[in-house]
Amino acid sequence: MQGRHAAAGLKALVTETRQALEPLDAAEVNGFFGRDMRFEIGDRRFDFIAQDFLGMMRKKG
């Protein structure tokens, strides 16, 4: 996918992700503290501890 098609796909993925996360409340998100999490993109795997990942993302934003 390139250009406009890639952007449309990414926008749809972001929308889908936001909708999936909407029902979570702060207590549930805080419950992730100390837990393992993994992102899988294709055959790549990225393992994190939840607060390390969130802290890393906060620094970039």
Protein backbone atom coordinates (compact mmCIF):
# COMPACT_ATOMS: atom_id res chain seq x y z
CA MET A 1 0.00 0.00 0.00
CA GLN A 2 1.26 3.44 -0.84
CA GLY A 3 0.19 7.04 -0.52
CA ARG A 4 -3.49 7.64 -0.06
CA HIS A 5 -4.32 3.94 0.32
CA ALA A 6 -1.76 3.49 3.11
CA ALA A 7 -3.03 6.60 4.90
CA ALA A 8 -6.63 5.39 4.65
CA GLY A 9 -5.64 1.99 6.05
CA LEU A 10 -3.74 3.58 8.92
CA LYS A 11 -6.62 5.92 9.69
CA ALA A 12 -9.02 2.96 9.81
CA LEU A 13 -6.65 1.04 12.10
CA VAL A 14 -6.34 4.02 14.47
CA THR A 15 -10.12 4.42 14.54
CA GLU A 16 -10.59 0.71 15.27
CA THR A 17 -7.97 0.81 18.03
CA ARG A 18 -9.51 3.87 19.67
CA GLN A 19 -12.94 2.21 19.65
CA ALA A 20 -11.48 -0.92 21.23
CA LEU A 21 -9.81 1.11 24.00
CA GLU A 22 -12.75 3.43 24.72
CA PRO A 23 -14.48 1.10 27.20
CA LEU A 24 -11.37 0.90 29.42
CA ASP A 25 -11.46 3.01 32.56
CA ALA A 26 -8.45 4.37 34.45
CA ALA A 27 -8.53 1.59 37.06
CA GLU A 28 -8.38 -1.08 34.37
CA VAL A 29 -5.49 0.64 32.58
CA ASN A 30 -3.65 1.06 35.89
CA GLY A 31 -4.14 -2.67 36.40
CA PHE A 32 -1.72 -3.27 33.51
CA PHE A 33 1.16 -1.97 35.68
CA GLY A 34 3.91 -4.59 35.95
CA ARG A 35 2.32 -6.92 33.42
CA ASP A 36 3.96 -8.21 30.28
CA MET A 37 2.69 -6.95 26.96
CA ARG A 38 3.59 -7.83 23.39
CA PHE A 39 3.02 -6.16 20.07
CA GLU A 40 3.10 -8.41 17.04
CA ILE A 41 3.43 -6.94 13.59
CA GLY A 42 3.71 -9.60 10.95
CA ASP A 43 6.43 -11.95 12.12
CA ARG A 44 8.02 -9.36 14.44
CA ARG A 45 7.40 -9.42 18.18
CA PHE A 46 8.07 -6.59 20.60
CA ASP A 47 7.95 -7.53 24.29
CA PHE A 48 7.60 -4.89 26.99
CA ILE A 49 6.51 -4.42 30.57
CA ALA A 50 3.46 -2.17 30.35
CA GLN A 51 4.80 0.82 32.29
CA ASP A 52 8.11 0.74 30.39
CA PHE A 53 6.29 0.90 27.08
CA LEU A 54 3.97 3.68 28.21
CA GLY A 55 6.88 5.66 29.64
CA MET A 56 8.79 5.28 26.39
CA MET A 57 5.80 6.51 24.39
CA ARG A 58 5.30 9.49 26.72
CA LYS A 59 8.91 10.63 26.11
CA LYS A 60 8.41 10.56 22.34
CA GLY A 61 5.13 12.50 22.45
